[in-house]
Amino acid sequence: DSKVNIPKKVNRAVIVGTQIDPGKVHEKEDGTVVRTLWGEIAWQLGRKEGYKIVAESDKNGTSPGEALKTLFKKYSPCLVMIDEWVA
């Protein structure tokens, strides 16, 4: 008899590549301005605080590198679902 521990809260981010225009900035209801998929994932996981972790990379359009690892650790457990990534 083995038990499975189910977390009470799982942070989630859902990205559909065809729904995000990479040439546009997206202002969220809290005033956060998101420019990249990384910024969108960070904002969905942790809102303004999550976005701050990848903000520099989001503004520069560069890979967040270790910041992404920091984001996932801070908001674990988390689930990120991505469709149409290549788009």
N, C-alpha and C. Protein backbone atom coordinates (compact mmCIF):
# COMPACT_ATOMS: atom_id res chain seq x y z
N ASP A 1 0.85 -1.18 0.00
CA ASP A 1 0.00 0.00 0.00
C ASP A 1 0.89 1.24 0.00
N SER A 2 0.96 1.90 -1.13
CA SER A 2 1.76 3.12 -1.20
C SER A 2 0.85 4.33 -1.34
N LYS A 3 1.27 5.39 -0.69
CA LYS A 3 0.49 6.62 -0.73
C LYS A 3 1.13 7.61 -1.69
N VAL A 4 0.30 8.38 -2.33
CA VAL A 4 0.77 9.44 -3.21
C VAL A 4 0.42 10.75 -2.53
N ASN A 5 1.44 11.59 -2.31
CA ASN A 5 1.19 12.90 -1.73
C ASN A 5 0.84 13.88 -2.85
N ILE A 6 -0.36 14.39 -2.79
CA ILE A 6 -0.82 15.35 -3.78
C ILE A 6 -0.72 16.74 -3.17
N PRO A 7 0.03 17.63 -3.83
CA PRO A 7 0.16 18.98 -3.28
C PRO A 7 -1.18 19.70 -3.25
N LYS A 8 -1.35 20.56 -2.25
CA LYS A 8 -2.59 21.31 -2.14
C LYS A 8 -2.71 22.38 -3.22
N LYS A 9 -1.57 22.92 -3.65
CA LYS A 9 -1.59 23.95 -4.68
C LYS A 9 -0.50 23.67 -5.71
N VAL A 10 -0.87 23.75 -6.96
CA VAL A 10 0.08 23.61 -8.06
C VAL A 10 -0.04 24.88 -8.91
N ASN A 11 1.06 25.61 -9.05
CA ASN A 11 1.06 26.78 -9.91
C ASN A 11 1.06 26.32 -11.36
N ARG A 12 0.32 27.05 -12.21
CA ARG A 12 0.19 26.62 -13.60
C ARG A 12 0.45 27.77 -14.56
N ALA A 13 1.01 27.41 -15.72
CA ALA A 13 1.16 28.35 -16.83
C ALA A 13 0.77 27.60 -18.10
N VAL A 14 -0.01 28.26 -18.94
CA VAL A 14 -0.45 27.66 -20.20
C VAL A 14 -0.07 28.62 -21.31
N ILE A 15 0.70 28.13 -22.28
CA ILE A 15 1.18 28.94 -23.39
C ILE A 15 0.73 28.31 -24.70
N VAL A 16 0.11 29.11 -25.56
CA VAL A 16 -0.21 28.68 -26.92
C VAL A 16 0.53 29.64 -27.84
N GLY A 17 1.55 29.13 -28.50
CA GLY A 17 2.43 29.96 -29.31
C GLY A 17 1.75 30.79 -30.37
N THR A 18 0.68 30.28 -30.92
CA THR A 18 -0.02 31.03 -31.97
C THR A 18 -0.87 32.16 -31.40
N GLN A 19 -1.04 32.22 -30.10
CA GLN A 19 -1.84 33.26 -29.47
C GLN A 19 -1.00 34.42 -28.93
N ILE A 20 0.32 34.29 -29.02
CA ILE A 20 1.21 35.34 -28.51
C ILE A 20 1.96 35.95 -29.69
N ASP A 21 1.77 37.23 -29.90
CA ASP A 21 2.45 37.94 -30.98
C ASP A 21 3.81 38.41 -30.46
N PRO A 22 4.91 37.84 -30.98
CA PRO A 22 6.23 38.18 -30.47
C PRO A 22 6.64 39.62 -30.74
N GLY A 23 5.96 40.32 -31.62
CA GLY A 23 6.30 41.70 -31.92
C GLY A 23 5.57 42.71 -31.05
N LYS A 24 4.70 42.22 -30.16
CA LYS A 24 3.90 43.12 -29.32
C LYS A 24 4.23 42.93 -27.85
N VAL A 25 4.06 43.99 -27.11
CA VAL A 25 4.15 43.87 -25.65
C VAL A 25 2.74 43.63 -25.14
N HIS A 26 2.65 42.92 -24.05
CA HIS A 26 1.36 42.57 -23.47
C HIS A 26 1.31 43.12 -22.05
N GLU A 27 0.41 44.05 -21.82
CA GLU A 27 0.27 44.61 -20.48
C GLU A 27 -0.77 43.82 -19.70
N LYS A 28 -0.36 43.36 -18.54
CA LYS A 28 -1.25 42.57 -17.68
C LYS A 28 -2.08 43.49 -16.80
N GLU A 29 -3.10 42.93 -16.18
CA GLU A 29 -4.00 43.74 -15.36
C GLU A 29 -3.31 44.39 -14.16
N ASP A 30 -2.16 43.86 -13.74
CA ASP A 30 -1.43 44.46 -12.62
C ASP A 30 -0.38 45.47 -13.09
N GLY A 31 -0.36 45.76 -14.41
CA GLY A 31 0.58 46.73 -14.95
C GLY A 31 1.88 46.15 -15.46
N THR A 32 2.12 44.86 -15.23
CA THR A 32 3.33 44.20 -15.72
C THR A 32 3.30 44.16 -17.24
N VAL A 33 4.41 44.52 -17.87
CA VAL A 33 4.53 44.49 -19.32
C VAL A 33 5.38 43.29 -19.71
N VAL A 34 4.81 42.37 -20.48
CA VAL A 34 5.46 41.12 -20.87
C VAL A 34 5.79 41.17 -22.35
N ARG A 35 7.01 40.72 -22.71
CA ARG A 35 7.46 40.76 -24.09
C ARG A 35 7.75 39.40 -24.71
N THR A 36 8.05 38.39 -23.90
CA THR A 36 8.49 37.10 -24.41
C THR A 36 7.69 35.96 -23.79
N LEU A 37 7.88 34.76 -24.35
CA LEU A 37 7.25 33.57 -23.77
C LEU A 37 7.74 33.34 -22.34
N TRP A 38 9.03 33.61 -22.11
CA TRP A 38 9.59 33.42 -20.75
C TRP A 38 8.90 34.35 -19.77
N GLY A 39 8.71 35.59 -20.20
CA GLY A 39 8.02 36.55 -19.34
C GLY A 39 6.59 36.13 -19.07
N GLU A 40 5.92 35.59 -20.07
CA GLU A 40 4.54 35.14 -19.91
C GLU A 40 4.47 33.96 -18.94
N ILE A 41 5.38 33.01 -19.08
CA ILE A 41 5.40 31.86 -18.16
C ILE A 41 5.63 32.35 -16.73
N ALA A 42 6.61 33.23 -16.56
CA ALA A 42 6.93 33.74 -15.23
C ALA A 42 5.75 34.48 -14.63
N TRP A 43 5.09 35.31 -15.44
CA TRP A 43 3.95 36.06 -14.93
C TRP A 43 2.80 35.13 -14.54
N GLN A 44 2.53 34.14 -15.36
CA GLN A 44 1.44 33.21 -15.04
C GLN A 44 1.74 32.43 -13.76
N LEU A 45 2.98 32.06 -13.55
CA LEU A 45 3.32 31.29 -12.35
C LEU A 45 3.30 32.13 -11.08
N GLY A 46 3.84 33.34 -11.16
CA GLY A 46 3.99 34.13 -9.94
C GLY A 46 3.56 35.57 -10.03
N ARG A 47 2.81 35.89 -11.08
CA ARG A 47 2.37 37.26 -11.31
C ARG A 47 3.57 38.22 -11.27
N LYS A 48 3.40 39.40 -10.69
CA LYS A 48 4.44 40.43 -10.72
C LYS A 48 5.75 39.93 -10.10
N GLU A 49 5.67 39.23 -8.98
CA GLU A 49 6.88 38.73 -8.32
C GLU A 49 7.59 37.69 -9.17
N GLY A 50 6.83 36.81 -9.80
CA GLY A 50 7.43 35.81 -10.68
C GLY A 50 8.10 36.46 -11.88
N TYR A 51 7.44 37.46 -12.43
CA TYR A 51 7.99 38.15 -13.59
C TYR A 51 9.32 38.82 -13.27
N LYS A 52 9.45 39.37 -12.08
CA LYS A 52 10.69 40.06 -11.68
C LYS A 52 11.91 39.14 -11.82
N ILE A 53 11.72 37.85 -11.66
CA ILE A 53 12.83 36.89 -11.74
C ILE A 53 13.43 36.86 -13.14
N VAL A 54 12.61 37.01 -14.17
CA VAL A 54 13.09 36.95 -15.55
C VAL A 54 13.01 38.29 -16.26
N ALA A 55 12.70 39.35 -15.53
CA ALA A 55 12.43 40.67 -16.14
C ALA A 55 13.54 41.15 -17.06
N GLU A 56 14.78 41.05 -16.63
CA GLU A 56 15.89 41.54 -17.45
C GLU A 56 15.95 40.81 -18.79
N SER A 57 15.84 39.49 -18.75
CA SER A 57 15.86 38.70 -19.99
C SER A 57 14.64 39.01 -20.86
N ASP A 58 13.49 39.21 -20.22
CA ASP A 58 12.28 39.52 -20.97
C ASP A 58 12.44 40.86 -21.70
N LYS A 59 13.00 41.84 -21.03
CA LYS A 59 13.19 43.16 -21.64
C LYS A 59 14.21 43.13 -22.77
N ASN A 60 15.24 42.28 -22.63
CA ASN A 60 16.30 42.19 -23.65
C ASN A 60 16.00 41.17 -24.74
N GLY A 61 14.99 40.34 -24.54
CA GLY A 61 14.66 39.29 -25.51
C GLY A 61 15.71 38.18 -25.54
N THR A 62 16.32 37.92 -24.38
CA THR A 62 17.35 36.87 -24.30
C THR A 62 16.88 35.74 -23.39
N SER A 63 17.55 34.61 -23.49
CA SER A 63 17.22 33.45 -22.66
C SER A 63 17.46 33.77 -21.18
N PRO A 64 16.55 33.38 -20.31
CA PRO A 64 16.71 33.67 -18.89
C PRO A 64 17.72 32.78 -18.17
N GLY A 65 18.17 31.70 -18.81
CA GLY A 65 19.19 30.84 -18.20
C GLY A 65 18.82 30.39 -16.79
N GLU A 66 19.72 30.66 -15.84
CA GLU A 66 19.53 30.23 -14.44
C GLU A 66 18.30 30.85 -13.80
N ALA A 67 17.89 32.01 -14.29
CA ALA A 67 16.70 32.66 -13.72
C ALA A 67 15.47 31.77 -13.88
N LEU A 68 15.42 31.01 -14.97
CA LEU A 68 14.29 30.11 -15.18
C LEU A 68 14.29 29.01 -14.13
N LYS A 69 15.45 28.51 -13.81
CA LYS A 69 15.57 27.49 -12.76
C LYS A 69 15.11 28.06 -11.42
N THR A 70 15.51 29.30 -11.15
CA THR A 70 15.10 29.98 -9.92
C THR A 70 13.58 30.13 -9.88
N LEU A 71 12.99 30.52 -11.01
CA LEU A 71 11.55 30.68 -11.11
C LEU A 71 10.83 29.37 -10.79
N PHE A 72 11.26 28.29 -11.43
CA PHE A 72 10.60 27.00 -11.23
C PHE A 72 10.76 26.51 -9.80
N LYS A 73 11.91 26.73 -9.19
CA LYS A 73 12.11 26.31 -7.79
C LYS A 73 11.19 27.10 -6.86
N LYS A 74 11.12 28.41 -7.09
CA LYS A 74 10.30 29.26 -6.22
C LYS A 74 8.82 28.91 -6.31
N TYR A 75 8.34 28.58 -7.50
CA TYR A 75 6.91 28.34 -7.69
C TYR A 75 6.56 26.87 -7.83
N SER A 76 7.43 25.99 -7.36
CA SER A 76 7.15 24.55 -7.35
C SER A 76 6.18 24.23 -6.24
N PRO A 77 5.36 23.23 -6.42
CA PRO A 77 5.22 22.47 -7.65
C PRO A 77 4.50 23.32 -8.70
N CYS A 78 4.93 23.12 -9.94
CA CYS A 78 4.31 23.87 -11.02
C CYS A 78 4.16 22.99 -12.26
N LEU A 79 3.24 23.39 -13.09
CA LEU A 79 2.97 22.70 -14.34
C LEU A 79 2.96 23.74 -15.43
N VAL A 80 3.78 23.54 -16.46
CA VAL A 80 3.82 24.46 -17.59
C VAL A 80 3.41 23.66 -18.82
N MET A 81 2.31 24.05 -19.44
CA MET A 81 1.84 23.38 -20.65
C MET A 81 2.05 24.32 -21.83
N ILE A 82 2.67 23.78 -22.88
CA ILE A 82 3.00 24.61 -24.05
C ILE A 82 2.50 23.90 -25.31
N ASP A 83 1.76 24.64 -26.12
CA ASP A 83 1.29 24.14 -27.40
C ASP A 83 1.77 25.13 -28.47
N GLU A 84 2.06 24.62 -29.63
CA GLU A 84 2.53 25.47 -30.73
C GLU A 84 3.79 26.26 -30.36
N TRP A 85 4.72 25.60 -29.66
CA TRP A 85 5.98 26.24 -29.21
C TRP A 85 6.74 26.83 -30.37
N VAL A 86 6.84 26.13 -31.48
CA VAL A 86 7.62 26.58 -32.63
C VAL A 86 7.02 27.85 -33.23
N ALA A 87 5.70 27.94 -33.19
CA ALA A 87 5.04 29.12 -33.75
C ALA A 87 5.47 30.36 -33.00
